[in-house]
């Protein structure tokens, strides 16, 4: 098997990316230091996940303490899907 997806897939949900992110998504708030070692601190302080001009924005807000990490945004759908 090549791993190539074939066929048609139906869109299960169209997310409202221009609305308040908390409605459609869970906003992560934890340090990833001991999980995947990505050097991220996921924050939910309004500076990393928000909407601007009707679009969802995920951003790196600042450098973490000591300059070895980033304060960034991460979201996850409140719904799960199975294919």
N, C-alpha and C. Protein backbone atom coordinates (compact mmCIF):
# COMPACT_ATOMS: atom_id res chain seq x y z
N UNK A 1 0.83 -1.19 0.00
CA UNK A 1 0.00 0.00 0.00
C UNK A 1 0.87 1.24 0.00
N UNK A 2 0.43 2.22 -0.74
CA UNK A 2 1.22 3.44 -0.87
C UNK A 2 0.91 4.46 0.23
N UNK A 3 -0.20 4.33 0.92
CA UNK A 3 -0.59 5.31 1.92
C UNK A 3 -1.32 6.50 1.32
N UNK A 4 -1.51 6.50 0.02
CA UNK A 4 -2.20 7.58 -0.68
C UNK A 4 -3.71 7.45 -0.45
N UNK A 5 -4.33 8.53 0.01
CA UNK A 5 -5.77 8.54 0.20
C UNK A 5 -6.47 8.70 -1.14
N UNK A 6 -7.46 7.89 -1.37
CA UNK A 6 -8.22 7.98 -2.61
C UNK A 6 -9.70 8.01 -2.29
N UNK A 7 -10.47 8.49 -3.23
CA UNK A 7 -11.91 8.55 -3.04
C UNK A 7 -12.36 9.95 -2.68
N UNK A 8 -13.63 10.04 -2.35
CA UNK A 8 -14.21 11.32 -1.97
C UNK A 8 -14.50 11.32 -0.48
N UNK A 9 -14.26 12.45 0.15
CA UNK A 9 -14.52 12.59 1.57
C UNK A 9 -15.48 13.75 1.77
N UNK A 10 -16.50 13.52 2.57
CA UNK A 10 -17.49 14.56 2.84
C UNK A 10 -17.00 15.48 3.95
N UNK A 11 -17.26 16.77 3.78
CA UNK A 11 -16.94 17.74 4.81
C UNK A 11 -17.93 17.54 5.96
N UNK A 12 -17.44 17.22 7.14
CA UNK A 12 -18.30 16.95 8.29
C UNK A 12 -18.76 18.21 8.98
N UNK A 13 -17.93 19.21 8.99
CA UNK A 13 -18.27 20.44 9.70
C UNK A 13 -17.50 21.60 9.11
N UNK A 14 -18.16 22.73 9.00
CA UNK A 14 -17.49 23.96 8.59
C UNK A 14 -17.38 24.83 9.84
N UNK A 15 -16.16 25.02 10.29
CA UNK A 15 -15.92 25.79 11.51
C UNK A 15 -16.10 27.27 11.26
N UNK A 16 -16.62 27.97 12.26
CA UNK A 16 -16.74 29.42 12.21
C UNK A 16 -15.42 29.99 12.71
N UNK A 17 -14.50 30.25 11.79
CA UNK A 17 -13.18 30.74 12.16
C UNK A 17 -13.15 32.24 12.45
N UNK A 18 -14.28 32.91 12.23
CA UNK A 18 -14.35 34.34 12.49
C UNK A 18 -15.01 34.68 13.80
N UNK A 19 -15.58 33.68 14.46
CA UNK A 19 -16.24 33.91 15.74
C UNK A 19 -15.28 33.76 16.90
N UNK A 20 -15.82 33.78 18.08
CA UNK A 20 -15.00 33.60 19.28
C UNK A 20 -14.40 32.20 19.28
N UNK A 21 -13.08 32.06 19.37
CA UNK A 21 -12.44 30.75 19.30
C UNK A 21 -12.94 29.77 20.37
N UNK A 22 -13.35 30.27 21.53
CA UNK A 22 -13.79 29.40 22.62
C UNK A 22 -15.06 28.63 22.29
N UNK A 23 -15.83 29.09 21.31
CA UNK A 23 -17.08 28.41 20.94
C UNK A 23 -16.78 27.10 20.22
N UNK A 24 -15.87 27.11 19.27
CA UNK A 24 -15.58 25.93 18.45
C UNK A 24 -14.40 25.10 18.95
N UNK A 25 -13.52 25.71 19.73
CA UNK A 25 -12.25 25.06 20.07
C UNK A 25 -11.94 25.10 21.56
N UNK A 26 -11.18 24.12 22.01
CA UNK A 26 -10.55 24.17 23.33
C UNK A 26 -9.19 24.82 23.11
N UNK A 27 -8.90 25.82 23.90
CA UNK A 27 -7.62 26.52 23.78
C UNK A 27 -6.66 25.92 24.81
N UNK A 28 -5.53 25.43 24.32
CA UNK A 28 -4.56 24.76 25.20
C UNK A 28 -3.91 25.76 26.14
N UNK A 29 -3.62 25.29 27.34
CA UNK A 29 -2.93 26.11 28.32
C UNK A 29 -2.06 25.18 29.18
N UNK A 30 -0.84 24.92 28.69
CA UNK A 30 0.11 24.08 29.41
C UNK A 30 1.49 24.23 28.81
N UNK A 31 2.48 23.78 29.52
CA UNK A 31 3.85 23.78 29.02
C UNK A 31 4.10 22.46 28.31
N UNK A 32 4.69 22.52 27.14
CA UNK A 32 4.99 21.32 26.36
C UNK A 32 6.41 20.82 26.63
N UNK A 33 7.06 21.39 27.60
CA UNK A 33 8.48 21.10 27.87
C UNK A 33 8.77 19.61 28.02
N UNK A 34 7.97 18.88 28.76
CA UNK A 34 8.24 17.47 29.01
C UNK A 34 7.37 16.53 28.17
N UNK A 35 6.67 17.06 27.19
CA UNK A 35 5.81 16.22 26.35
C UNK A 35 6.49 15.92 25.01
N UNK A 36 6.56 16.92 24.14
CA UNK A 36 7.20 16.71 22.83
C UNK A 36 8.48 17.52 22.71
N UNK A 37 8.84 18.22 23.76
CA UNK A 37 10.05 19.04 23.79
C UNK A 37 10.04 20.10 22.69
N UNK A 38 8.87 20.69 22.45
CA UNK A 38 8.76 21.71 21.42
C UNK A 38 9.15 23.09 21.92
N UNK A 39 9.44 23.22 23.18
CA UNK A 39 9.83 24.51 23.78
C UNK A 39 8.70 25.54 23.73
N UNK A 40 7.46 25.06 23.78
CA UNK A 40 6.33 25.98 23.77
C UNK A 40 5.63 25.97 25.12
N UNK A 41 5.16 27.13 25.48
CA UNK A 41 4.23 27.27 26.59
C UNK A 41 2.93 27.74 25.96
N UNK A 42 1.95 26.88 25.90
CA UNK A 42 0.68 27.24 25.29
C UNK A 42 -0.13 28.04 26.29
N UNK A 43 -0.52 29.23 25.90
CA UNK A 43 -1.20 30.14 26.81
C UNK A 43 -2.60 30.48 26.32
N UNK A 44 -3.46 30.79 27.25
CA UNK A 44 -4.83 31.20 26.95
C UNK A 44 -5.09 32.53 27.64
N UNK A 45 -4.30 33.52 27.26
CA UNK A 45 -4.44 34.84 27.88
C UNK A 45 -4.97 35.89 26.91
N UNK A 46 -5.45 35.45 25.75
CA UNK A 46 -5.99 36.37 24.76
C UNK A 46 -4.95 36.93 23.81
N UNK A 47 -3.68 36.63 24.04
CA UNK A 47 -2.63 37.18 23.18
C UNK A 47 -2.16 36.18 22.11
N UNK A 48 -2.53 34.91 22.24
CA UNK A 48 -2.03 33.90 21.31
C UNK A 48 -3.11 33.28 20.43
N UNK A 49 -4.35 33.30 20.86
CA UNK A 49 -5.47 32.77 20.07
C UNK A 49 -6.58 33.81 20.10
N UNK A 50 -6.94 34.31 18.92
CA UNK A 50 -7.98 35.33 18.84
C UNK A 50 -8.45 35.46 17.38
N UNK A 51 -9.44 36.29 17.16
CA UNK A 51 -9.88 36.57 15.78
C UNK A 51 -9.54 38.01 15.45
N UNK A 52 -9.22 38.20 14.16
CA UNK A 52 -8.93 39.54 13.65
C UNK A 52 -9.50 39.62 12.25
N UNK A 53 -10.32 40.61 12.00
CA UNK A 53 -10.93 40.80 10.68
C UNK A 53 -11.63 39.54 10.19
N UNK A 54 -12.32 38.85 11.09
CA UNK A 54 -13.08 37.66 10.73
C UNK A 54 -12.24 36.42 10.48
N UNK A 55 -10.99 36.41 10.94
CA UNK A 55 -10.11 35.26 10.73
C UNK A 55 -9.51 34.80 12.05
N UNK A 56 -9.37 33.48 12.19
CA UNK A 56 -8.74 32.92 13.37
C UNK A 56 -7.23 33.17 13.32
N UNK A 57 -6.67 33.63 14.42
CA UNK A 57 -5.23 33.91 14.50
C UNK A 57 -4.63 33.06 15.62
N UNK A 58 -3.57 32.31 15.29
CA UNK A 58 -2.73 31.62 16.27
C UNK A 58 -1.37 32.24 16.15
N UNK A 59 -0.79 32.69 17.25
CA UNK A 59 0.49 33.38 17.12
C UNK A 59 1.41 33.10 18.29
N UNK A 60 2.66 33.38 18.05
CA UNK A 60 3.66 33.39 19.11
C UNK A 60 3.63 34.79 19.69
N UNK A 61 3.32 34.90 20.96
CA UNK A 61 3.16 36.21 21.58
C UNK A 61 4.46 36.77 22.11
N UNK A 62 5.29 35.88 22.67
CA UNK A 62 6.53 36.38 23.27
C UNK A 62 7.49 35.23 23.52
N UNK A 63 8.66 35.63 23.92
CA UNK A 63 9.70 34.69 24.33
C UNK A 63 9.46 34.32 25.79
N UNK A 64 9.66 33.06 26.12
CA UNK A 64 9.47 32.64 27.50
C UNK A 64 10.64 33.06 28.38
N UNK A 65 10.51 32.80 29.66
CA UNK A 65 11.56 33.13 30.62
C UNK A 65 12.88 32.49 30.24
N UNK A 66 13.93 33.27 30.20
CA UNK A 66 15.25 32.75 29.88
C UNK A 66 15.52 32.59 28.39
N UNK A 67 14.53 32.91 27.56
CA UNK A 67 14.73 32.86 26.12
C UNK A 67 14.80 31.46 25.53
N UNK A 68 14.36 30.45 26.27
CA UNK A 68 14.44 29.08 25.77
C UNK A 68 13.09 28.49 25.42
N UNK A 69 12.06 29.30 25.44
CA UNK A 69 10.72 28.82 25.08
C UNK A 69 9.93 29.95 24.44
N UNK A 70 8.77 29.59 23.91
CA UNK A 70 7.88 30.56 23.27
C UNK A 70 6.51 30.49 23.92
N UNK A 71 5.87 31.63 24.06
CA UNK A 71 4.48 31.69 24.51
C UNK A 71 3.65 31.68 23.23
N UNK A 72 2.95 30.59 22.98
CA UNK A 72 2.23 30.47 21.72
C UNK A 72 0.83 29.91 21.91
N UNK A 73 0.07 29.91 20.82
CA UNK A 73 -1.31 29.44 20.86
C UNK A 73 -1.45 28.06 20.24
N UNK A 74 -2.39 27.30 20.79
CA UNK A 74 -2.69 25.97 20.26
C UNK A 74 -4.15 25.68 20.55
N UNK A 75 -4.84 25.15 19.56
CA UNK A 75 -6.26 24.84 19.73
C UNK A 75 -6.55 23.41 19.31
N UNK A 76 -7.70 22.92 19.78
CA UNK A 76 -8.17 21.59 19.43
C UNK A 76 -9.69 21.68 19.30
N UNK A 77 -10.22 21.02 18.30
CA UNK A 77 -11.66 21.02 18.10
C UNK A 77 -12.36 20.44 19.31
N UNK A 78 -13.52 20.97 19.65
CA UNK A 78 -14.30 20.41 20.74
C UNK A 78 -14.99 19.12 20.32
N UNK A 79 -15.06 18.89 19.02
CA UNK A 79 -15.66 17.67 18.49
C UNK A 79 -14.58 16.76 17.93
N UNK A 80 -14.83 15.47 17.99
CA UNK A 80 -13.90 14.52 17.39
C UNK A 80 -14.60 13.79 16.25
N UNK A 81 -13.82 13.32 15.31
CA UNK A 81 -14.37 12.66 14.13
C UNK A 81 -13.64 11.34 13.91
N UNK A 82 -14.33 10.43 13.30
CA UNK A 82 -13.75 9.13 13.01
C UNK A 82 -13.99 8.82 11.55
N UNK A 83 -12.95 8.40 10.87
CA UNK A 83 -13.08 8.09 9.45
C UNK A 83 -12.80 6.63 9.22
